Amino acid sequence: MCAPPPRPDLAPDPELDRAAMESLQREIADVAVFTDEFTFDSESLTNPLAASAAADGDPPTVVGIDQSFLTNEAGDQDRALSAVIAVRGGEVIERVAAVTELETPYIPGLLSFREGGAILAALAELSVEPDLFLFDGSGRIHFRQAGIATHIGVVRDVPSVGVAKSLLCGTPCEETADLQTGTRVGIEANAKVDAPEGTLLGYAVQTRQYDSPNRYINPLYVSPGHRVGPETAADIALALASSYKLPEPVRLADSYATEAKRDYVDS
């Protein structure tokens, strides 16, 4: 199957009203591909941070994306800063950031309209071609199956995965407390999701856990964004997590967002 083309016409528009935003998300979900459809060797992601190239060439370029916010003199958030880190073969090969005005308030489920402009601006600055996007945010685990990883993945037509710290919607198939490292629990659609009940949206993925019985780390909620299936998305999150909870490209993007924000304020 041929990959779908990029869809810049579906880019998040903060000037839309809420009904129009939700309608656009449903269109995004109809266009999105929630199965594996990429050109790189997925086995090269088993240990993508190792400093060795894939058998038939360079390992894939994995791009981590995270957000921060800048405030005005009144202390109100008025700008979004998107930090983008490109990793290949265990090395950071590029870092870019962009700042755009915040034009919409925070509304659960409409995050891409608040942050998408900054993300697209930052991605436009990349000189390398990404093989995979990793977002700090949801993909298919979303009310309309179109979280920020799905929205931007479709607009750019790049395989993408959403990695969220909390569960926006859907129902875990099993208990998710105190899971062992490497465990995954399916997240299925419920009445809050525009999908048939029981549809597999993604997984709760335990990338790291304490040894102590007195405390535990919550799982990440990993879902396909675009052109990646749920099982592969979970595999990627586990492979990239290294010794931290967050997948390494997202963790690095989070760190860079803090650094870039400080540099921007100090400049």
C-alpha atoms as a PDB file:
ATOM      1  CA  MET A   1       0.000   0.000   0.000  1.00  0.00           C
ATOM      2  CA  CYS A   2       1.263   3.466  -0.872  1.00  0.00           C
ATOM      3  CA  ALA A   3       1.606   5.924   1.975  1.00  0.00           C
ATOM      4  CA  PRO A   4      -0.922   8.756   1.962  1.00  0.00           C
ATOM      5  CA  PRO A   5       0.383  12.193   0.970  1.00  0.00           C
ATOM      6  CA  PRO A   6       0.964  15.015   3.446  1.00  0.00           C
ATOM      7  CA  ARG A   7      -2.159  17.007   4.266  1.00  0.00           C
ATOM      8  CA  PRO A   8      -1.212  20.616   5.016  1.00  0.00           C
ATOM      9  CA  ASP A   9      -4.858  21.498   4.392  1.00  0.00           C
ATOM     10  CA  LEU A  10      -5.674  19.698   7.664  1.00  0.00           C
ATOM     11  CA  ALA A  11      -3.230  21.722   9.775  1.00  0.00           C
ATOM     12  CA  PRO A  12      -4.680  22.876  13.118  1.00  0.00           C
ATOM     13  CA  ASP A  13      -6.365  26.257  12.754  1.00  0.00           C
ATOM     14  CA  PRO A  14      -6.764  28.050  16.112  1.00  0.00           C
ATOM     15  CA  GLU A  15      -9.342  30.419  14.626  1.00  0.00           C
ATOM     16  CA  LEU A  16     -11.926  27.656  14.222  1.00  0.00           C
ATOM     17  CA  ASP A  17     -14.715  27.404  16.748  1.00  0.00           C
ATOM     18  CA  ARG A  18     -14.942  24.322  18.940  1.00  0.00           C
ATOM     19  CA  ALA A  19     -17.453  22.487  16.734  1.00  0.00           C
ATOM     20  CA  ALA A  20     -15.279  23.042  13.662  1.00  0.00           C
ATOM     21  CA  MET A  21     -12.168  21.859  15.530  1.00  0.00           C
ATOM     22  CA  GLU A  22     -13.909  18.658  16.556  1.00  0.00           C
ATOM     23  CA  SER A  23     -15.173  18.147  13.002  1.00  0.00           C
ATOM     24  CA  LEU A  24     -11.623  18.555  11.666  1.00  0.00           C
ATOM     25  CA  GLN A  25     -10.385  15.981  14.174  1.00  0.00           C
ATOM     26  CA  ARG A  26     -12.929  13.470  12.919  1.00  0.00           C
ATOM     27  CA  GLU A  27     -11.662  14.096   9.399  1.00  0.00           C
ATOM     28  CA  ILE A  28      -8.090  13.603  10.636  1.00  0.00           C
ATOM     29  CA  ALA A  29      -9.091  10.269  12.224  1.00  0.00           C
ATOM     30  CA  ASP A  30     -10.656   9.119   8.949  1.00  0.00           C
ATOM     31  CA  VAL A  31      -7.416   9.880   7.095  1.00  0.00           C
ATOM     32  CA  ALA A  32      -5.061   8.448   9.736  1.00  0.00           C
ATOM     33  CA  VAL A  33      -3.528   4.989   9.310  1.00  0.00           C
ATOM     34  CA  PHE A  34      -3.415   3.024  12.567  1.00  0.00           C
ATOM     35  CA  THR A  35      -1.380   0.117  11.193  1.00  0.00           C
ATOM     36  CA  ASP A  36       2.330  -0.274  10.421  1.00  0.00           C
ATOM     37  CA  GLU A  37       3.112   1.542   7.198  1.00  0.00           C
ATOM     38  CA  PHE A  38       6.685   2.805   7.127  1.00  0.00           C
ATOM     39  CA  THR A  39       9.811   2.290   5.047  1.00  0.00           C
ATOM     40  CA  PHE A  40      12.493   1.825   7.709  1.00  0.00           C
ATOM     41  CA  ASP A  41      13.351  -1.521   9.269  1.00  0.00           C
ATOM     42  CA  SER A  42      11.346  -1.670  12.495  1.00  0.00           C
ATOM     43  CA  GLU A  43      13.866  -4.130  13.972  1.00  0.00           C
ATOM     44  CA  SER A  44      16.430  -1.310  13.935  1.00  0.00           C
ATOM     45  CA  LEU A  45      14.312   0.315  16.664  1.00  0.00           C
ATOM     46  CA  THR A  46      14.939  -2.575  19.051  1.00  0.00           C
ATOM     47  CA  ASN A  47      17.935  -0.629  20.296  1.00  0.00           C
ATOM     48  CA  PRO A  48      17.826   2.620  18.304  1.00  0.00           C
ATOM     49  CA  LEU A  49      20.120   4.436  20.735  1.00  0.00           C
ATOM     50  CA  ALA A  50      22.988   2.015  20.155  1.00  0.00           C
ATOM     51  CA  ALA A  51      25.805   3.587  18.169  1.00  0.00           C
ATOM     52  CA  SER A  52      25.610   1.052  15.338  1.00  0.00           C
ATOM     53  CA  ALA A  53      23.987   1.482  11.965  1.00  0.00           C
ATOM     54  CA  ALA A  54      21.280  -0.775  10.624  1.00  0.00           C
ATOM     55  CA  ALA A  55      22.409  -3.627   8.405  1.00  0.00           C
ATOM     56  CA  ASP A  56      21.369  -1.887   5.185  1.00  0.00           C
ATOM     57  CA  GLY A  57      22.333   1.677   6.031  1.00  0.00           C
ATOM     58  CA  ASP A  58      21.753   4.319   8.631  1.00  0.00           C
ATOM     59  CA  PRO A  59      19.330   3.662  11.481  1.00  0.00           C
ATOM     60  CA  PRO A  60      16.064   5.601  11.348  1.00  0.00           C
ATOM     61  CA  THR A  61      15.935   9.210  12.431  1.00  0.00           C
ATOM     62  CA  VAL A  62      13.622   9.438  15.445  1.00  0.00           C
ATOM     63  CA  VAL A  63      12.325  12.886  16.349  1.00  0.00           C
ATOM     64  CA  GLY A  64      11.148  13.669  19.877  1.00  0.00           C
ATOM     65  CA  ILE A  65       8.746  16.590  20.313  1.00  0.00           C
ATOM     66  CA  ASP A  66       7.798  18.399  23.511  1.00  0.00           C
ATOM     67  CA  GLN A  67       6.278  21.740  24.487  1.00  0.00           C
ATOM     68  CA  SER A  68       6.844  24.529  26.948  1.00  0.00           C
ATOM     69  CA  PHE A  69       5.216  27.908  27.427  1.00  0.00           C
ATOM     70  CA  LEU A  70       6.353  31.487  27.863  1.00  0.00           C
ATOM     71  CA  THR A  71       4.544  34.050  29.970  1.00  0.00           C
ATOM     72  CA  ASN A  72       3.960  37.756  29.622  1.00  0.00           C
ATOM     73  CA  GLU A  73       4.573  40.435  32.251  1.00  0.00           C
ATOM     74  CA  ALA A  74       1.197  39.679  33.834  1.00  0.00           C
ATOM     75  CA  GLY A  75       2.249  36.062  34.343  1.00  0.00           C
ATOM     76  CA  ASP A  76      -0.142  34.668  31.742  1.00  0.00           C
ATOM     77  CA  GLN A  77       0.963  32.081  29.213  1.00  0.00           C
ATOM     78  CA  ASP A  78       0.957  33.822  25.849  1.00  0.00           C
ATOM     79  CA  ARG A  79       3.392  31.835  23.682  1.00  0.00           C
ATOM     80  CA  ALA A  80       4.046  28.163  22.944  1.00  0.00           C
ATOM     81  CA  LEU A  81       7.578  26.888  22.529  1.00  0.00           C
ATOM     82  CA  SER A  82       8.073  23.640  20.653  1.00  0.00           C
ATOM     83  CA  ALA A  83      11.338  21.756  21.144  1.00  0.00           C
ATOM     84  CA  VAL A  84      12.386  19.132  18.619  1.00  0.00           C
ATOM     85  CA  ILE A  85      15.260  16.676  18.986  1.00  0.00           C
ATOM     86  CA  ALA A  86      16.420  14.397  16.156  1.00  0.00           C
ATOM     87  CA  VAL A  87      18.231  11.227  17.242  1.00  0.00           C
ATOM     88  CA  ARG A  88      19.991   8.731  14.995  1.00  0.00           C
ATOM     89  CA  GLY A  89      22.146   5.807  16.018  1.00  0.00           C
ATOM     90  CA  GLY A  90      22.488   6.890  19.621  1.00  0.00           C
ATOM     91  CA  GLU A  91      23.413  10.495  18.880  1.00  0.00           C
ATOM     92  CA  VAL A  92      21.516  13.758  18.842  1.00  0.00           C
ATOM     93  CA  ILE A  93      22.017  15.035  15.307  1.00  0.00           C
ATOM     94  CA  GLU A  94      19.871  18.159  15.407  1.00  0.00           C
ATOM     95  CA  ARG A  95      17.955  20.392  17.836  1.00  0.00           C
ATOM     96  CA  VAL A  96      15.494  23.064  16.771  1.00  0.00           C
ATOM     97  CA  ALA A  97      12.861  25.141  18.534  1.00  0.00           C
ATOM     98  CA  ALA A  98      10.147  27.595  17.540  1.00  0.00           C
ATOM     99  CA  VAL A  99       7.873  29.980  19.401  1.00  0.00           C
ATOM    100  CA  THR A 100       4.386  31.033  18.309  1.00  0.00           C
ATOM    101  CA  GLU A 101       1.604  33.033  19.896  1.00  0.00           C
ATOM    102  CA  LEU A 102      -1.017  31.150  21.906  1.00  0.00           C
ATOM    103  CA  GLU A 103      -4.360  31.832  20.296  1.00  0.00           C
ATOM    104  CA  THR A 104      -6.620  29.331  22.069  1.00  0.00           C
ATOM    105  CA  PRO A 105      -7.110  28.368  25.729  1.00  0.00           C
ATOM    106  CA  TYR A 106      -6.359  24.896  27.025  1.00  0.00           C
ATOM    107  CA  ILE A 107      -9.297  22.603  26.247  1.00  0.00           C
ATOM    108  CA  PRO A 108      -8.936  18.841  26.893  1.00  0.00           C
ATOM    109  CA  GLY A 109      -8.983  17.025  23.575  1.00  0.00           C
ATOM    110  CA  LEU A 110      -8.104  20.099  21.485  1.00  0.00           C
ATOM    111  CA  LEU A 111      -4.424  20.352  22.360  1.00  0.00           C
ATOM    112  CA  SER A 112      -3.218  20.318  18.758  1.00  0.00           C
ATOM    113  CA  PHE A 113      -5.026  23.601  18.046  1.00  0.00           C
ATOM    114  CA  ARG A 114      -3.205  25.248  20.958  1.00  0.00           C
ATOM    115  CA  GLU A 115       0.255  23.779  20.344  1.00  0.00           C
ATOM    116  CA  GLY A 116       0.262  22.575  16.746  1.00  0.00           C
ATOM    117  CA  GLY A 117       1.399  25.843  15.198  1.00  0.00           C
ATOM    118  CA  ALA A 118       4.609  25.886  17.220  1.00  0.00           C
ATOM    119  CA  ILE A 119       5.257  22.218  16.470  1.00  0.00           C
ATOM    120  CA  LEU A 120       4.836  22.661  12.717  1.00  0.00           C
ATOM    121  CA  ALA A 121       7.042  25.769  12.820  1.00  0.00           C
ATOM    122  CA  ALA A 122       9.793  23.864  14.625  1.00  0.00           C
ATOM    123  CA  LEU A 123       9.548  20.859  12.329  1.00  0.00           C
ATOM    124  CA  ALA A 124       9.901  23.186   9.345  1.00  0.00           C
ATOM    125  CA  GLU A 125      13.339  24.151  10.704  1.00  0.00           C
ATOM    126  CA  LEU A 126      14.647  20.574  10.670  1.00  0.00           C
ATOM    127  CA  SER A 127      17.272  19.909   8.015  1.00  0.00           C
ATOM    128  CA  VAL A 128      17.048  16.117   8.426  1.00  0.00           C
ATOM    129  CA  GLU A 129      14.185  13.962   7.177  1.00  0.00           C
ATOM    130  CA  PRO A 130      12.379  12.285  10.097  1.00  0.00           C
ATOM    131  CA  ASP A 131      11.462   8.615   9.897  1.00  0.00           C
ATOM    132  CA  LEU A 132       9.400   8.667  13.087  1.00  0.00           C
ATOM    133  CA  PHE A 133       7.816  11.283  15.355  1.00  0.00           C
ATOM    134  CA  LEU A 134       7.491  10.686  19.101  1.00  0.00           C
ATOM    135  CA  PHE A 135       5.143  13.132  20.833  1.00  0.00           C
ATOM    136  CA  ASP A 136       4.628  13.999  24.462  1.00  0.00           C
ATOM    137  CA  GLY A 137       0.866  13.690  24.014  1.00  0.00           C
ATOM    138  CA  SER A 138      -1.857  11.379  22.764  1.00  0.00           C
ATOM    139  CA  GLY A 139      -2.381   9.696  19.440  1.00  0.00           C
ATOM    140  CA  ARG A 140      -5.403   7.455  18.964  1.00  0.00           C
ATOM    141  CA  ILE A 141      -6.183   7.427  22.695  1.00  0.00           C
ATOM    142  CA  HIS A 142      -8.364  10.480  22.220  1.00  0.00           C
ATOM    143  CA  PHE A 143     -12.071  11.328  22.233  1.00  0.00           C
ATOM    144  CA  ARG A 144     -12.122  11.576  18.425  1.00  0.00           C
ATOM    145  CA  GLN A 145      -9.105   9.300  17.758  1.00  0.00           C
ATOM    146  CA  ALA A 146      -7.066  12.346  16.718  1.00  0.00           C
ATOM    147  CA  GLY A 147      -4.700  13.495  19.435  1.00  0.00           C
ATOM    148  CA  ILE A 148      -1.736  15.724  18.690  1.00  0.00           C
ATOM    149  CA  ALA A 149       0.436  12.806  17.469  1.00  0.00           C
ATOM    150  CA  THR A 150      -2.255  11.810  14.984  1.00  0.00           C
ATOM    151  CA  HIS A 151      -3.005  15.359  13.855  1.00  0.00           C
ATOM    152  CA  ILE A 152       0.610  16.367  13.167  1.00  0.00           C
ATOM    153  CA  GLY A 153       1.486  12.902  11.856  1.00  0.00           C
ATOM    154  CA  VAL A 154      -1.264  13.151   9.235  1.00  0.00           C
ATOM    155  CA  VAL A 155      -0.430  16.748   8.300  1.00  0.00           C
ATOM    156  CA  ARG A 156       3.219  15.839   7.721  1.00  0.00           C
ATOM    157  CA  ASP A 157       2.537  12.209   6.706  1.00  0.00           C
ATOM    158  CA  VAL A 158       5.268  10.889   9.000  1.00  0.00           C
ATOM    159  CA  PRO A 159       4.881   7.736  11.113  1.00  0.00           C
ATOM    160  CA  SER A 160       4.120   8.936  14.619  1.00  0.00           C
ATOM    161  CA  VAL A 161       3.496   7.705  18.152  1.00  0.00           C
ATOM    162  CA  GLY A 162       1.815   9.458  21.060  1.00  0.00           C
ATOM    163  CA  VAL A 163       3.235   8.993  24.558  1.00  0.00           C
ATOM    164  CA  ALA A 164       1.010  10.480  27.266  1.00  0.00           C
ATOM    165  CA  LYS A 165       1.539  10.574  31.030  1.00  0.00           C
ATOM    166  CA  SER A 166      -2.180  10.357  31.842  1.00  0.00           C
ATOM    167  CA  LEU A 167      -5.151   8.555  30.338  1.00  0.00           C
ATOM    168  CA  LEU A 168      -7.429  10.925  28.423  1.00  0.00           C
ATOM    169  CA  CYS A 169     -10.145   8.388  27.640  1.00  0.00           C
ATOM    170  CA  GLY A 170     -10.685   4.695  27.035  1.00  0.00           C
ATOM    171  CA  THR A 171     -10.732   1.784  29.467  1.00  0.00           C
ATOM    172  CA  PRO A 172      -7.769  -0.396  30.491  1.00  0.00           C
ATOM    173  CA  CYS A 173      -8.380  -4.096  29.931  1.00  0.00           C
ATOM    174  CA  GLU A 174      -6.696  -4.904  33.263  1.00  0.00           C
ATOM    175  CA  GLU A 175      -5.479  -3.157  36.407  1.00  0.00           C
ATOM    176  CA  THR A 176      -2.597  -0.773  35.651  1.00  0.00           C
ATOM    177  CA  ALA A 177      -1.263  -0.142  39.158  1.00  0.00           C
ATOM    178  CA  ASP A 178       2.188  -1.451  40.147  1.00  0.00           C
ATOM    179  CA  LEU A 179       2.951  -3.120  36.824  1.00  0.00           C
ATOM    180  CA  GLN A 180       6.311  -4.756  36.229  1.00  0.00           C
ATOM    181  CA  THR A 181       8.759  -3.256  33.742  1.00  0.00           C
ATOM    182  CA  GLY A 182       7.910  -4.336  30.205  1.00  0.00           C
ATOM    183  CA  THR A 183       4.229  -4.968  30.910  1.00  0.00           C
ATOM    184  CA  ARG A 184       1.586  -3.576  28.582  1.00  0.00           C
ATOM    185  CA  VAL A 185      -2.165  -3.402  29.143  1.00  0.00           C
ATOM    186  CA  GLY A 186      -4.556  -2.708  26.292  1.00  0.00           C
ATOM    187  CA  ILE A 187      -6.656   0.465  26.307  1.00  0.00           C
ATOM    188  CA  GLU A 188     -10.014  -0.006  24.610  1.00  0.00           C
ATOM    189  CA  ALA A 189     -12.553   2.514  23.396  1.00  0.00           C
ATOM    190  CA  ASN A 190     -15.448   3.290  25.712  1.00  0.00           C
ATOM    191  CA  ALA A 191     -18.487   5.548  25.398  1.00  0.00           C
ATOM    192  CA  LYS A 192     -16.282   8.663  25.448  1.00  0.00           C
ATOM    193  CA  VAL A 193     -14.526   7.689  22.197  1.00  0.00           C
ATOM    194  CA  ASP A 194     -15.798   8.041  18.630  1.00  0.00           C
ATOM    195  CA  ALA A 195     -15.057   4.386  17.885  1.00  0.00           C
ATOM    196  CA  PRO A 196     -16.851   1.076  18.355  1.00  0.00           C
ATOM    197  CA  GLU A 197     -16.675   0.077  22.008  1.00  0.00           C
ATOM    198  CA  GLY A 198     -13.807  -2.339  22.561  1.00  0.00           C
ATOM    199  CA  THR A 199     -11.613  -0.948  19.751  1.00  0.00           C
ATOM    200  CA  LEU A 200      -7.965  -1.242  20.760  1.00  0.00           C
ATOM    201  CA  LEU A 201      -6.691   2.343  20.952  1.00  0.00           C
ATOM    202  CA  GLY A 202      -3.251   1.705  22.429  1.00  0.00           C
ATOM    203  CA  TYR A 203      -1.546   0.429  25.549  1.00  0.00           C
ATOM    204  CA  ALA A 204      -0.608   1.373  29.067  1.00  0.00           C
ATOM    205  CA  VAL A 205       3.125   0.631  28.905  1.00  0.00           C
ATOM    206  CA  GLN A 206       5.325   0.171  31.968  1.00  0.00           C
ATOM    207  CA  THR A 207       8.725   1.347  30.788  1.00  0.00           C
ATOM    208  CA  ARG A 208      10.310   1.505  34.248  1.00  0.00           C
ATOM    209  CA  GLN A 209       9.413   0.431  37.791  1.00  0.00           C
ATOM    210  CA  TYR A 210      10.862   0.811  41.272  1.00  0.00           C
ATOM    211  CA  ASP A 211      12.244  -2.243  43.061  1.00  0.00           C
ATOM    212  CA  SER A 212      10.692  -1.068  46.316  1.00  0.00           C
ATOM    213  CA  PRO A 213       7.239  -2.499  47.207  1.00  0.00           C
ATOM    214  CA  ASN A 214       6.287   0.778  48.886  1.00  0.00           C
ATOM    215  CA  ARG A 215       6.141   2.966  45.802  1.00  0.00           C
ATOM    216  CA  TYR A 216       5.524   2.542  42.108  1.00  0.00           C
ATOM    217  CA  ILE A 217       5.788   4.420  38.821  1.00  0.00           C
ATOM    218  CA  ASN A 218       2.652   4.921  36.767  1.00  0.00           C
ATOM    219  CA  PRO A 219       2.651   3.581  33.201  1.00  0.00           C
ATOM    220  CA  LEU A 220       2.760   5.675  30.061  1.00  0.00           C
ATOM    221  CA  TYR A 221      -0.228   5.669  27.719  1.00  0.00           C
ATOM    222  CA  VAL A 222       1.115   4.890  24.272  1.00  0.00           C
ATOM    223  CA  SER A 223      -0.949   4.974  21.112  1.00  0.00           C
ATOM    224  CA  PRO A 224      -0.545   5.082  17.342  1.00  0.00           C
ATOM    225  CA  GLY A 225      -0.410   8.525  15.840  1.00  0.00           C
ATOM    226  CA  HIS A 226      -0.193   7.726  12.142  1.00  0.00           C
ATOM    227  CA  ARG A 227       1.197   4.843  10.066  1.00  0.00           C
ATOM    228  CA  VAL A 228       2.115   2.848  13.188  1.00  0.00           C
ATOM    229  CA  GLY A 229       0.062   0.056  14.771  1.00  0.00           C
ATOM    230  CA  PRO A 230      -0.647  -0.176  18.513  1.00  0.00           C
ATOM    231  CA  GLU A 231       1.688  -3.119  19.126  1.00  0.00           C
ATOM    232  CA  THR A 232       4.573  -1.442  17.295  1.00  0.00           C
ATOM    233  CA  ALA A 233       3.912   1.822  19.144  1.00  0.00           C
ATOM    234  CA  ALA A 234       4.249  -0.014  22.471  1.00  0.00           C
ATOM    235  CA  ASP A 235       7.385  -1.796  21.244  1.00  0.00           C
ATOM    236  CA  ILE A 236       8.933   1.541  20.280  1.00  0.00           C
ATOM    237  CA  ALA A 237       8.167   3.127  23.645  1.00  0.00           C
ATOM    238  CA  LEU A 238       9.774   0.227  25.481  1.00  0.00           C
ATOM    239  CA  ALA A 239      12.796   0.101  23.198  1.00  0.00           C
ATOM    240  CA  LEU A 240      13.450   3.824  23.503  1.00  0.00           C
ATOM    241  CA  ALA A 241      12.838   4.200  27.231  1.00  0.00           C
ATOM    242  CA  SER A 242      16.425   3.350  28.252  1.00  0.00           C
ATOM    243  CA  SER A 243      16.853   3.877  32.018  1.00  0.00           C
ATOM    244  CA  TYR A 244      14.177   6.579  32.238  1.00  0.00           C
ATOM    245  CA  LYS A 245      10.402   6.389  32.184  1.00  0.00           C
ATOM    246  CA  LEU A 246      10.001   8.535  29.081  1.00  0.00           C
ATOM    247  CA  PRO A 247      11.328   7.346  25.722  1.00  0.00           C
ATOM    248  CA  GLU A 248      14.716   8.951  25.264  1.00  0.00           C
ATOM    249  CA  PRO A 249      13.865  11.271  22.338  1.00  0.00           C
ATOM    250  CA  VAL A 250      10.897  12.693  24.266  1.00  0.00           C
ATOM    251  CA  ARG A 251      12.954  13.020  27.456  1.00  0.00           C
ATOM    252  CA  LEU A 252      15.657  14.878  25.525  1.00  0.00           C
ATOM    253  CA  ALA A 253      13.052  17.138  23.919  1.00  0.00           C
ATOM    254  CA  ASP A 254      11.619  17.896  27.366  1.00  0.00           C
ATOM    255  CA  SER A 255      15.069  18.869  28.623  1.00  0.00           C
ATOM    256  CA  TYR A 256      15.738  20.959  25.541  1.00  0.00           C
ATOM    257  CA  ALA A 257      12.384  22.743  25.933  1.00  0.00           C
ATOM    258  CA  THR A 258      13.485  23.908  29.373  1.00  0.00           C
ATOM    259  CA  GLU A 259      16.852  25.034  28.028  1.00  0.00           C
ATOM    260  CA  ALA A 260      15.393  26.800  25.005  1.00  0.00           C
ATOM    261  CA  LYS A 261      12.798  28.526  27.155  1.00  0.00           C
ATOM    262  CA  ARG A 262      15.520  29.859  29.443  1.00  0.00           C
ATOM    263  CA  ASP A 263      17.607  31.011  26.491  1.00  0.00           C
ATOM    264  CA  TYR A 264      14.615  32.727  24.948  1.00  0.00           C
ATOM    265  CA  VAL A 265      13.725  34.555  28.161  1.00  0.00           C
ATOM    266  CA  ASP A 266      17.341  35.569  28.744  1.00  0.00           C
ATOM    267  CA  SER A 267      17.884  36.790  25.179  1.00  0.00           C
END
